[in-house]
Amino acid sequence: MNKAELIEAVSKVTEMTKADTERALDAVIDVVSKNIKKKDGVKLVGFGTFSVSPRKARVGRNPQTGEEIQIPARKVPVFRPGKELKDSVR
Protein backbone atom coordinates (compact mmCIF):
# COMPACT_ATOMS: atom_id res chain seq x y z
CA MET A 1 0.00 0.00 0.00
CA ASN A 2 1.42 3.37 -0.96
CA LYS A 3 0.62 6.78 0.52
CA ALA A 4 -2.23 7.54 -1.92
CA GLU A 5 -3.90 4.19 -1.19
CA LEU A 6 -3.50 4.76 2.56
CA ILE A 7 -5.08 8.20 2.30
CA GLU A 8 -8.00 6.77 0.33
CA ALA A 9 -8.56 3.94 2.84
CA VAL A 10 -8.38 6.24 5.87
CA SER A 11 -10.68 8.80 4.28
CA LYS A 12 -13.31 6.10 3.71
CA VAL A 13 -13.12 4.91 7.32
CA THR A 14 -13.14 8.40 8.86
CA GLU A 15 -15.50 9.93 6.27
CA MET A 16 -13.08 12.86 5.91
CA THR A 17 -12.16 14.33 2.56
CA LYS A 18 -9.00 13.04 0.93
CA ALA A 19 -7.41 16.49 1.26
CA ASP A 20 -8.11 16.60 5.02
CA THR A 21 -6.87 13.04 5.43
CA GLU A 22 -3.66 13.86 3.54
CA ARG A 23 -3.02 16.90 5.75
CA ALA A 24 -3.61 14.81 8.88
CA LEU A 25 -1.30 12.03 7.68
CA ASP A 26 1.40 14.55 6.73
CA ALA A 27 1.08 16.13 10.19
CA VAL A 28 1.49 12.75 11.91
CA ILE A 29 4.56 11.92 9.83
CA ASP A 30 6.02 15.38 10.55
CA VAL A 31 5.48 15.08 14.32
CA VAL A 32 7.00 11.58 14.43
CA SER A 33 10.01 12.75 12.38
CA LYS A 34 10.62 15.78 14.60
CA ASN A 35 10.33 13.77 17.82
CA ILE A 36 12.73 11.03 16.77
CA LYS A 37 15.14 13.72 15.56
CA LYS A 38 15.05 15.20 19.08
CA LYS A 39 15.60 11.63 20.41
CA ASP A 40 12.26 11.70 22.25
CA GLY A 41 10.69 8.96 20.16
CA VAL A 42 7.00 8.25 19.76
CA LYS A 43 5.27 5.41 21.59
CA LEU A 44 1.86 4.28 20.33
CA VAL A 45 0.58 1.68 22.81
CA GLY A 46 -0.46 -1.49 20.99
CA PHE A 47 1.01 -0.35 17.67
CA GLY A 48 4.72 0.27 18.26
CA THR A 49 7.55 2.65 19.04
CA PHE A 50 9.47 4.95 16.71
CA SER A 51 12.95 5.85 17.97
CA VAL A 52 16.59 6.45 17.00
CA SER A 53 19.30 3.87 17.47
CA PRO A 54 23.08 4.35 17.17
CA ARG A 55 24.95 2.14 14.72
CA LYS A 56 28.63 1.47 15.37
CA ALA A 57 31.37 2.12 12.84
CA ARG A 58 32.38 -1.03 10.99
CA VAL A 59 34.45 -2.42 8.17
CA GLY A 60 32.57 -3.31 5.00
CA ARG A 61 33.48 -4.57 1.57
CA ASN A 62 32.94 -3.00 -1.83
CA PRO A 63 31.03 -5.74 -3.69
CA GLN A 64 32.50 -4.77 -7.07
CA THR A 65 36.18 -4.69 -6.11
CA GLY A 66 36.28 -6.64 -2.85
CA GLU A 67 38.20 -3.73 -1.29
CA GLU A 68 37.63 -3.12 2.44
CA ILE A 69 36.03 0.22 3.29
CA GLN A 70 35.29 1.99 6.57
CA ILE A 71 31.59 2.56 7.24
CA PRO A 72 31.22 5.43 9.74
CA ALA A 73 29.03 5.34 12.86
CA ARG A 74 25.62 6.91 12.46
CA LYS A 75 22.12 7.11 13.89
CA VAL A 76 19.25 5.28 12.22
CA PRO A 77 15.47 5.45 12.70
CA VAL A 78 13.96 2.30 14.24
CA PHE A 79 10.42 0.98 14.54
CA ARG A 80 9.65 -1.68 17.12
CA PRO A 81 6.18 -3.21 16.72
CA GLY A 82 3.96 -3.49 19.80
CA LYS A 83 2.47 -6.71 21.14
CA GLU A 84 -0.99 -6.14 19.64
CA LEU A 85 0.48 -5.49 16.18
CA LYS A 86 2.66 -8.60 16.42
CA ASP A 87 -0.31 -10.70 17.52
CA SER A 88 -2.51 -9.40 14.68
CA VAL A 89 0.07 -10.53 12.12
CA ARG A 90 0.31 -14.07 13.50
PDB file of N, CA and C in Angstrom:
ATOM      1  N   MET A   1       0.853  -1.174   0.000  1.00  0.00           N
ATOM      2  CA  MET A   1       0.000   0.000   0.000  1.00  0.00           C
ATOM      3  C   MET A   1       0.894   1.230   0.000  1.00  0.00           C
ATOM      4  N   ASN A   2       0.645   2.129  -0.921  1.00  0.00           N
ATOM      5  CA  ASN A   2       1.416   3.370  -0.958  1.00  0.00           C
ATOM      6  C   ASN A   2       0.647   4.483  -0.243  1.00  0.00           C
ATOM      7  N   LYS A   3       1.215   5.672  -0.222  1.00  0.00           N
ATOM      8  CA  LYS A   3       0.616   6.778   0.523  1.00  0.00           C
ATOM      9  C   LYS A   3      -0.771   7.144  -0.012  1.00  0.00           C
ATOM     10  N   ALA A   4      -0.931   7.181  -1.325  1.00  0.00           N
ATOM     11  CA  ALA A   4      -2.229   7.538  -1.917  1.00  0.00           C
ATOM     12  C   ALA A   4      -3.298   6.517  -1.538  1.00  0.00           C
ATOM     13  N   GLU A   5      -2.944   5.245  -1.558  1.00  0.00           N
ATOM     14  CA  GLU A   5      -3.897   4.195  -1.186  1.00  0.00           C
ATOM     15  C   GLU A   5      -4.242   4.272   0.300  1.00  0.00           C
ATOM     16  N   LEU A   6      -3.255   4.599   1.131  1.00  0.00           N
ATOM     17  CA  LEU A   6      -3.496   4.761   2.560  1.00  0.00           C
ATOM     18  C   LEU A   6      -4.437   5.926   2.816  1.00  0.00           C
ATOM     19  N   ILE A   7      -4.216   7.031   2.144  1.00  0.00           N
ATOM     20  CA  ILE A   7      -5.084   8.205   2.298  1.00  0.00           C
ATOM     21  C   ILE A   7      -6.511   7.860   1.895  1.00  0.00           C
ATOM     22  N   GLU A   8      -6.668   7.155   0.786  1.00  0.00           N
ATOM     23  CA  GLU A   8      -8.004   6.769   0.334  1.00  0.00           C
ATOM     24  C   GLU A   8      -8.695   5.861   1.346  1.00  0.00           C
ATOM     25  N   ALA A   9      -7.976   4.872   1.876  1.00  0.00           N
ATOM     26  CA  ALA A   9      -8.561   3.941   2.841  1.00  0.00           C
ATOM     27  C   ALA A   9      -8.953   4.645   4.139  1.00  0.00           C
ATOM     28  N   VAL A  10      -8.088   5.518   4.629  1.00  0.00           N
ATOM     29  CA  VAL A  10      -8.382   6.239   5.868  1.00  0.00           C
ATOM     30  C   VAL A  10      -9.537   7.209   5.667  1.00  0.00           C
ATOM     31  N   SER A  11      -9.599   7.854   4.519  1.00  0.00           N
ATOM     32  CA  SER A  11     -10.685   8.800   4.277  1.00  0.00           C
ATOM     33  C   SER A  11     -12.038   8.098   4.216  1.00  0.00           C
ATOM     34  N   LYS A  12     -12.061   6.861   3.724  1.00  0.00           N
ATOM     35  CA  LYS A  12     -13.315   6.097   3.708  1.00  0.00           C
ATOM     36  C   LYS A  12     -13.755   5.733   5.122  1.00  0.00           C
ATOM     37  N   VAL A  13     -12.799   5.319   5.951  1.00  0.00           N
ATOM     38  CA  VAL A  13     -13.120   4.912   7.319  1.00  0.00           C
ATOM     39  C   VAL A  13     -13.558   6.106   8.163  1.00  0.00           C
ATOM     40  N   THR A  14     -12.850   7.227   8.024  1.00  0.00           N
ATOM     41  CA  THR A  14     -13.138   8.400   8.855  1.00  0.00           C
ATOM     42  C   THR A  14     -14.197   9.314   8.266  1.00  0.00           C
ATOM     43  N   GLU A  15     -14.553   9.093   7.007  1.00  0.00           N
ATOM     44  CA  GLU A  15     -15.503   9.931   6.268  1.00  0.00           C
ATOM     45  C   GLU A  15     -15.009  11.378   6.152  1.00  0.00           C
ATOM     46  N   MET A  16     -13.687  11.549   6.149  1.00  0.00           N
ATOM     47  CA  MET A  16     -13.078  12.858   5.912  1.00  0.00           C
ATOM     48  C   MET A  16     -12.764  12.962   4.426  1.00  0.00           C
ATOM     49  N   THR A  17     -12.559  14.174   3.962  1.00  0.00           N
ATOM     50  CA  THR A  17     -12.158  14.332   2.564  1.00  0.00           C
ATOM     51  C   THR A  17     -10.729  13.823   2.407  1.00  0.00           C
ATOM     52  N   LYS A  18     -10.363  13.507   1.184  1.00  0.00           N
ATOM     53  CA  LYS A  18      -8.997  13.036   0.933  1.00  0.00           C
ATOM     54  C   LYS A  18      -7.979  14.123   1.253  1.00  0.00           C
ATOM     55  N   ALA A  19      -8.328  15.381   0.977  1.00  0.00           N
ATOM     56  CA  ALA A  19      -7.411  16.489   1.261  1.00  0.00           C
ATOM     57  C   ALA A  19      -7.171  16.619   2.767  1.00  0.00           C
ATOM     58  N   ASP A  20      -8.252  16.530   3.563  1.00  0.00           N
ATOM     59  CA  ASP A  20      -8.113  16.604   5.021  1.00  0.00           C
ATOM     60  C   ASP A  20      -7.323  15.414   5.556  1.00  0.00           C
ATOM     61  N   THR A  21      -7.578  14.250   5.004  1.00  0.00           N
ATOM     62  CA  THR A  21      -6.869  13.043   5.427  1.00  0.00           C
ATOM     63  C   THR A  21      -5.388  13.158   5.101  1.00  0.00           C
ATOM     64  N   GLU A  22      -5.066  13.695   3.925  1.00  0.00           N
ATOM     65  CA  GLU A  22      -3.662  13.857   3.544  1.00  0.00           C
ATOM     66  C   GLU A  22      -2.959  14.835   4.478  1.00  0.00           C
ATOM     67  N   ARG A  23      -3.622  15.941   4.827  1.00  0.00           N
ATOM     68  CA  ARG A  23      -3.025  16.903   5.749  1.00  0.00           C
ATOM     69  C   ARG A  23      -2.799  16.270   7.121  1.00  0.00           C
ATOM     70  N   ALA A  24      -3.751  15.475   7.582  1.00  0.00           N
ATOM     71  CA  ALA A  24      -3.613  14.807   8.882  1.00  0.00           C
ATOM     72  C   ALA A  24      -2.461  13.797   8.853  1.00  0.00           C
ATOM     73  N   LEU A  25      -2.369  13.012   7.798  1.00  0.00           N
ATOM     74  CA  LEU A  25      -1.295  12.027   7.676  1.00  0.00           C
ATOM     75  C   LEU A  25       0.064  12.721   7.604  1.00  0.00           C
ATOM     76  N   ASP A  26       0.153  13.797   6.827  1.00  0.00           N
ATOM     77  CA  ASP A  26       1.402  14.553   6.734  1.00  0.00           C
ATOM     78  C   ASP A  26       1.793  15.129   8.095  1.00  0.00           C
ATOM     79  N   ALA A  27       0.807  15.580   8.863  1.00  0.00           N
ATOM     80  CA  ALA A  27       1.076  16.127  10.191  1.00  0.00           C
ATOM     81  C   ALA A  27       1.608  15.044  11.125  1.00  0.00           C
ATOM     82  N   VAL A  28       1.028  13.859  11.081  1.00  0.00           N
ATOM     83  CA  VAL A  28       1.492  12.746  11.915  1.00  0.00           C
ATOM     84  C   VAL A  28       2.928  12.382  11.561  1.00  0.00           C
ATOM     85  N   ILE A  29       3.209  12.265  10.275  1.00  0.00           N
ATOM     86  CA  ILE A  29       4.563  11.922   9.831  1.00  0.00           C
ATOM     87  C   ILE A  29       5.550  13.002  10.267  1.00  0.00           C
ATOM     88  N   ASP A  30       5.157  14.269  10.156  1.00  0.00           N
ATOM     89  CA  ASP A  30       6.022  15.382  10.545  1.00  0.00           C
ATOM     90  C   ASP A  30       6.317  15.350  12.047  1.00  0.00           C
ATOM     91  N   VAL A  31       5.300  15.126  12.861  1.00  0.00           N
ATOM     92  CA  VAL A  31       5.483  15.083  14.316  1.00  0.00           C
ATOM     93  C   VAL A  31       6.382  13.910  14.714  1.00  0.00           C
ATOM     94  N   VAL A  32       6.165  12.747  14.130  1.00  0.00           N
ATOM     95  CA  VAL A  32       7.002  11.580  14.428  1.00  0.00           C
ATOM     96  C   VAL A  32       8.450  11.871  14.036  1.00  0.00           C
ATOM     97  N   SER A  33       8.654  12.434  12.849  1.00  0.00           N
ATOM     98  CA  SER A  33      10.011  12.746  12.383  1.00  0.00           C
ATOM     99  C   SER A  33      10.713  13.730  13.318  1.00  0.00           C
ATOM    100  N   LYS A  34      10.017  14.780  13.718  1.00  0.00           N
ATOM    101  CA  LYS A  34      10.621  15.778  14.598  1.00  0.00           C
ATOM    102  C   LYS A  34      10.961  15.187  15.968  1.00  0.00           C
ATOM    103  N   ASN A  35      10.077  14.340  16.502  1.00  0.00           N
ATOM    104  CA  ASN A  35      10.327  13.765  17.821  1.00  0.00           C
ATOM    105  C   ASN A  35      11.470  12.764  17.815  1.00  0.00           C
ATOM    106  N   ILE A  36      11.596  11.967  16.778  1.00  0.00           N
ATOM    107  CA  ILE A  36      12.725  11.028  16.774  1.00  0.00           C
ATOM    108  C   ILE A  36      14.029  11.764  16.492  1.00  0.00           C
ATOM    109  N   LYS A  37      13.949  12.893  15.787  1.00  0.00           N
ATOM    110  CA  LYS A  37      15.139  13.721  15.559  1.00  0.00           C
ATOM    111  C   LYS A  37      15.637  14.299  16.888  1.00  0.00           C
ATOM    112  N   LYS A  38      14.689  14.672  17.773  1.00  0.00           N
ATOM    113  CA  LYS A  38      15.048  15.200  19.084  1.00  0.00           C
ATOM    114  C   LYS A  38      15.385  14.077  20.068  1.00  0.00           C
ATOM    115  N   LYS A  39      15.319  12.835  19.604  1.00  0.00           N
ATOM    116  CA  LYS A  39      15.596  11.633  20.409  1.00  0.00           C
ATOM    117  C   LYS A  39      14.533  11.381  21.463  1.00  0.00           C
ATOM    118  N   ASP A  40      13.351  11.968  21.316  1.00  0.00           N
ATOM    119  CA  ASP A  40      12.259  11.704  22.245  1.00  0.00           C
ATOM    120  C   ASP A  40      11.552  10.400  21.890  1.00  0.00           C
ATOM    121  N   GLY A  41      11.410  10.146  20.599  1.00  0.00           N
ATOM    122  CA  GLY A  41      10.688   8.965  20.157  1.00  0.00           C
ATOM    123  C   GLY A  41       9.192   9.166  20.260  1.00  0.00           C
ATOM    124  N   VAL A  42       8.452   8.227  19.697  1.00  0.00           N
ATOM    125  CA  VAL A  42       6.995   8.247  19.755  1.00  0.00           C
ATOM    126  C   VAL A  42       6.541   6.842  20.092  1.00  0.00           C
ATOM    127  N   LYS A  43       5.746   6.707  21.153  1.00  0.00           N
ATOM    128  CA  LYS A  43       5.267   5.407  21.589  1.00  0.00           C
ATOM    129  C   LYS A  43       3.753   5.358  21.416  1.00  0.00           C
ATOM    130  N   LEU A  44       3.282   4.464  20.556  1.00  0.00           N
ATOM    131  CA  LEU A  44       1.858   4.280  20.331  1.00  0.00           C
ATOM    132  C   LEU A  44       1.490   2.913  20.916  1.00  0.00           C
ATOM    133  N   VAL A  45       0.870   2.919  22.087  1.00  0.00           N
ATOM    134  CA  VAL A  45       0.578   1.684  22.807  1.00  0.00           C
ATOM    135  C   VAL A  45      -0.239   0.746  21.919  1.00  0.00           C
ATOM    136  N   GLY A  46       0.213  -0.486  21.805  1.00  0.00           N
ATOM    137  CA  GLY A  46      -0.463  -1.487  20.988  1.00  0.00           C
ATOM    138  C   GLY A  46       0.013  -1.517  19.548  1.00  0.00           C
ATOM    139  N   PHE A  47       0.545  -0.403  19.059  1.00  0.00           N
ATOM    140  CA  PHE A  47       1.011  -0.349  17.672  1.00  0.00           C
ATOM    141  C   PHE A  47       2.519  -0.502  17.596  1.00  0.00           C
ATOM    142  N   GLY A  48       3.266   0.375  18.280  1.00  0.00           N
ATOM    143  CA  GLY A  48       4.717   0.268  18.259  1.00  0.00           C
ATOM    144  C   GLY A  48       5.394   1.548  18.689  1.00  0.00           C
ATOM    145  N   THR A  49       6.731   1.527  18.602  1.00  0.00           N
ATOM    146  CA  THR A  49       7.548   2.651  19.037  1.00  0.00           C
ATOM    147  C   THR A  49       8.493   3.069  17.924  1.00  0.00           C
ATOM    148  N   PHE A  50       8.524   4.368  17.654  1.00  0.00           N
ATOM    149  CA  PHE A  50       9.471   4.947  16.709  1.00  0.00           C
ATOM    150  C   PHE A  50      10.585   5.582  17.538  1.00  0.00           C
ATOM    151  N   SER A  51      11.840   5.277  17.217  1.00  0.00           N
ATOM    152  CA  SER A  51      12.953   5.853  17.971  1.00  0.00           C
ATOM    153  C   SER A  51      14.197   5.915  17.091  1.00  0.00           C
ATOM    154  N   VAL A  52      15.303   6.373  17.693  1.00  0.00           N
ATOM    155  CA  VAL A  52      16.586   6.453  17.005  1.00  0.00           C
ATOM    156  C   VAL A  52      17.543   5.511  17.704  1.00  0.00           C
ATOM    157  N   SER A  53      18.333   4.803  16.920  1.00  0.00           N
ATOM    158  CA  SER A  53      19.301   3.867  17.471  1.00  0.00           C
ATOM    159  C   SER A  53      20.680   4.157  16.879  1.00  0.00           C
ATOM    160  N   PRO A  54      21.728   4.130  17.714  1.00  0.00           N
ATOM    161  CA  PRO A  54      23.077   4.348  17.174  1.00  0.00           C
ATOM    162  C   PRO A  54      23.582   3.087  16.481  1.00  0.00           C
ATOM    163  N   ARG A  55      24.320   3.257  15.419  1.00  0.00           N
ATOM    164  CA  ARG A  55      24.945   2.139  14.715  1.00  0.00           C
ATOM    165  C   ARG A  55      26.450   2.360  14.769  1.00  0.00           C
ATOM    166  N   LYS A  56      27.179   1.357  15.213  1.00  0.00           N
ATOM    167  CA  LYS A  56      28.629   1.473  15.372  1.00  0.00           C
ATOM    168  C   LYS A  56      29.324   1.536  14.015  1.00  0.00           C
ATOM    169  N   ALA A  57      30.530   2.119  14.035  1.00  0.00           N
ATOM    170  CA  ALA A  57      31.372   2.120  12.836  1.00  0.00           C
ATOM    171  C   ALA A  57      31.806   0.679  12.578  1.00  0.00           C
ATOM    172  N   ARG A  58      31.994   0.338  11.314  1.00  0.00           N
ATOM    173  CA  ARG A  58      32.383  -1.032  10.989  1.00  0.00           C
ATOM    174  C   ARG A  58      33.145  -1.065   9.680  1.00  0.00           C
ATOM    175  N   VAL A  59      33.723  -2.212   9.420  1.00  0.00           N
ATOM    176  CA  VAL A  59      34.448  -2.416   8.172  1.00  0.00           C
ATOM    177  C   VAL A  59      33.532  -3.170   7.231  1.00  0.00           C
ATOM    178  N   GLY A  60      33.393  -2.662   6.011  1.00  0.00           N
ATOM    179  CA  GLY A  60      32.569  -3.308   4.996  1.00  0.00           C
ATOM    180  C   GLY A  60      33.419  -3.655   3.795  1.00  0.00           C
ATOM    181  N   ARG A  61      32.776  -4.193   2.783  1.00  0.00           N
ATOM    182  CA  ARG A  61      33.476  -4.568   1.571  1.00  0.00           C
ATOM    183  C   ARG A  61      32.741  -4.024   0.356  1.00  0.00           C
ATOM    184  N   ASN A  62      33.505  -3.441  -0.562  1.00  0.00           N
ATOM    185  CA  ASN A  62      32.944  -2.995  -1.827  1.00  0.00           C
ATOM    186  C   ASN A  62      32.631  -4.252  -2.642  1.00  0.00           C
ATOM    187  N   PRO A  63      31.372  -4.501  -2.995  1.00  0.00           N
ATOM    188  CA  PRO A  63      31.034  -5.737  -3.694  1.00  0.00           C
ATOM    189  C   PRO A  63      31.631  -5.847  -5.096  1.00  0.00           C
ATOM    190  N   GLN A  64      31.942  -4.721  -5.711  1.00  0.00           N
ATOM    191  CA  GLN A  64      32.503  -4.773  -7.067  1.00  0.00           C
ATOM    192  C   GLN A  64      33.988  -5.098  -7.065  1.00  0.00           C
ATOM    193  N   THR A  65      34.720  -4.511  -6.106  1.00  0.00           N
ATOM    194  CA  THR A  65      36.179  -4.691  -6.112  1.00  0.00           C
ATOM    195  C   THR A  65      36.673  -5.604  -5.006  1.00  0.00           C
ATOM    196  N   GLY A  66      35.847  -5.837  -3.982  1.00  0.00           N
ATOM    197  CA  GLY A  66      36.281  -6.642  -2.851  1.00  0.00           C
ATOM    198  C   GLY A  66      37.132  -5.860  -1.863  1.00  0.00           C
ATOM    199  N   GLU A  67      37.367  -4.583  -2.135  1.00  0.00           N
ATOM    200  CA  GLU A  67      38.197  -3.734  -1.287  1.00  0.00           C
ATOM    201  C   GLU A  67      37.464  -3.434   0.025  1.00  0.00           C
ATOM    202  N   GLU A  68      38.218  -3.464   1.151  1.00  0.00           N
ATOM    203  CA  GLU A  68      37.635  -3.121   2.437  1.00  0.00           C
ATOM    204  C   GLU A  68      37.448  -1.613   2.528  1.00  0.00           C
ATOM    205  N   ILE A  69      36.311  -1.202   3.104  1.00  0.00           N
ATOM    206  CA  ILE A  69      36.030   0.223   3.293  1.00  0.00           C
ATOM    207  C   ILE A  69      35.543   0.440   4.719  1.00  0.00           C
ATOM    208  N   GLN A  70      35.758   1.634   5.239  1.00  0.00           N
ATOM    209  CA  GLN A  70      35.287   1.993   6.570  1.00  0.00           C
ATOM    210  C   GLN A  70      33.882   2.582   6.454  1.00  0.00           C
ATOM    211  N   ILE A  71      32.952   2.020   7.190  1.00  0.00           N
ATOM    212  CA  ILE A  71      31.591   2.556   7.238  1.00  0.00           C
ATOM    213  C   ILE A  71      31.482   3.314   8.559  1.00  0.00           C
ATOM    214  N   PRO A  72      31.221   4.625   8.518  1.00  0.00           N
ATOM    215  CA  PRO A  72      31.219   5.426   9.744  1.00  0.00           C
ATOM    216  C   PRO A  72      30.014   5.132  10.642  1.00  0.00           C
ATOM    217  N   ALA A  73      30.144   5.468  11.913  1.00  0.00           N
ATOM    218  CA  ALA A  73      29.035   5.343  12.861  1.00  0.00           C
ATOM    219  C   ALA A  73      27.954   6.346  12.471  1.00  0.00           C
ATOM    220  N   ARG A  74      26.717   5.988  12.754  1.00  0.00           N
ATOM    221  CA  ARG A  74      25.621   6.909  12.461  1.00  0.00           C
ATOM    222  C   ARG A  74      24.397   6.530  13.271  1.00  0.00           C
ATOM    223  N   LYS A  75      23.385   7.359  13.203  1.00  0.00           N
ATOM    224  CA  LYS A  75      22.122   7.109  13.891  1.00  0.00           C
ATOM    225  C   LYS A  75      21.085   6.735  12.850  1.00  0.00           C
ATOM    226  N   VAL A  76      20.264   5.736  13.167  1.00  0.00           N
ATOM    227  CA  VAL A  76      19.250   5.278  12.222  1.00  0.00           C
ATOM    228  C   VAL A  76      17.883   5.255  12.890  1.00  0.00           C
ATOM    229  N   PRO A  77      16.816   5.553  12.136  1.00  0.00           N
ATOM    230  CA  PRO A  77      15.471   5.449  12.701  1.00  0.00           C
ATOM    231  C   PRO A  77      15.097   3.977  12.858  1.00  0.00           C
ATOM    232  N   VAL A  78      14.350   3.675  13.929  1.00  0.00           N
ATOM    233  CA  VAL A  78      13.962   2.300  14.236  1.00  0.00           C
ATOM    234  C   VAL A  78      12.476   2.272  14.577  1.00  0.00           C
ATOM    235  N   PHE A  79      11.805   1.220  14.131  1.00  0.00           N
ATOM    236  CA  PHE A  79      10.417   0.979  14.541  1.00  0.00           C
ATOM    237  C   PHE A  79      10.357  -0.383  15.203  1.00  0.00           C
ATOM    238  N   ARG A  80       9.837  -0.420  16.417  1.00  0.00           N
ATOM    239  CA  ARG A  80       9.648  -1.683  17.122  1.00  0.00           C
ATOM    240  C   ARG A  80       8.153  -1.909  17.270  1.00  0.00           C
ATOM    241  N   PRO A  81       7.625  -2.968  16.644  1.00  0.00           N
ATOM    242  CA  PRO A  81       6.182  -3.213  16.724  1.00  0.00           C
ATOM    243  C   PRO A  81       5.754  -3.577  18.146  1.00  0.00           C
ATOM    244  N   GLY A  82       4.535  -3.167  18.498  1.00  0.00           N
ATOM    245  CA  GLY A  82       3.965  -3.492  19.798  1.00  0.00           C
ATOM    246  C   GLY A  82       3.355  -4.879  19.798  1.00  0.00           C
ATOM    247  N   LYS A  83       3.005  -5.352  20.973  1.00  0.00           N
ATOM    248  CA  LYS A  83       2.471  -6.707  21.137  1.00  0.00           C
ATOM    249  C   LYS A  83       1.201  -6.930  20.320  1.00  0.00           C
ATOM    250  N   GLU A  84       0.278  -5.982  20.370  1.00  0.00           N
ATOM    251  CA  GLU A  84      -0.987  -6.142  19.643  1.00  0.00           C
ATOM    252  C   GLU A  84      -0.753  -6.234  18.134  1.00  0.00           C
ATOM    253  N   LEU A  85       0.179  -5.433  17.604  1.00  0.00           N
ATOM    254  CA  LEU A  85       0.483  -5.489  16.176  1.00  0.00           C
ATOM    255  C   LEU A  85       1.120  -6.826  15.823  1.00  0.00           C
ATOM    256  N   LYS A  86       2.036  -7.289  16.641  1.00  0.00           N
ATOM    257  CA  LYS A  86       2.664  -8.603  16.417  1.00  0.00           C
ATOM    258  C   LYS A  86       1.620  -9.709  16.426  1.00  0.00           C
ATOM    259  N   ASP A  87       0.719  -9.654  17.402  1.00  0.00           N
ATOM    260  CA  ASP A  87      -0.310 -10.703  17.521  1.00  0.00           C
ATOM    261  C   ASP A  87      -1.269 -10.669  16.333  1.00  0.00           C
ATOM    262  N   SER A  88      -1.569  -9.488  15.810  1.00  0.00           N
ATOM    263  CA  SER A  88      -2.508  -9.402  14.680  1.00  0.00           C
ATOM    264  C   SER A  88      -1.929  -9.980  13.409  1.00  0.00           C
ATOM    265  N   VAL A  89      -0.593 -10.005  13.311  1.00  0.00           N
ATOM    266  CA  VAL A  89       0.068 -10.530  12.117  1.00  0.00           C
ATOM    267  C   VAL A  89       0.132 -12.056  12.159  1.00  0.00           C
ATOM    268  N   ARG A  90       0.191 -12.599  13.353  1.00  0.00           N
ATOM    269  CA  ARG A  90       0.309 -14.070  13.495  1.00  0.00           C
ATOM    270  C   ARG A  90      -0.894 -14.774  13.038  1.00  0.00           C
TER     271      ARG A  90
END
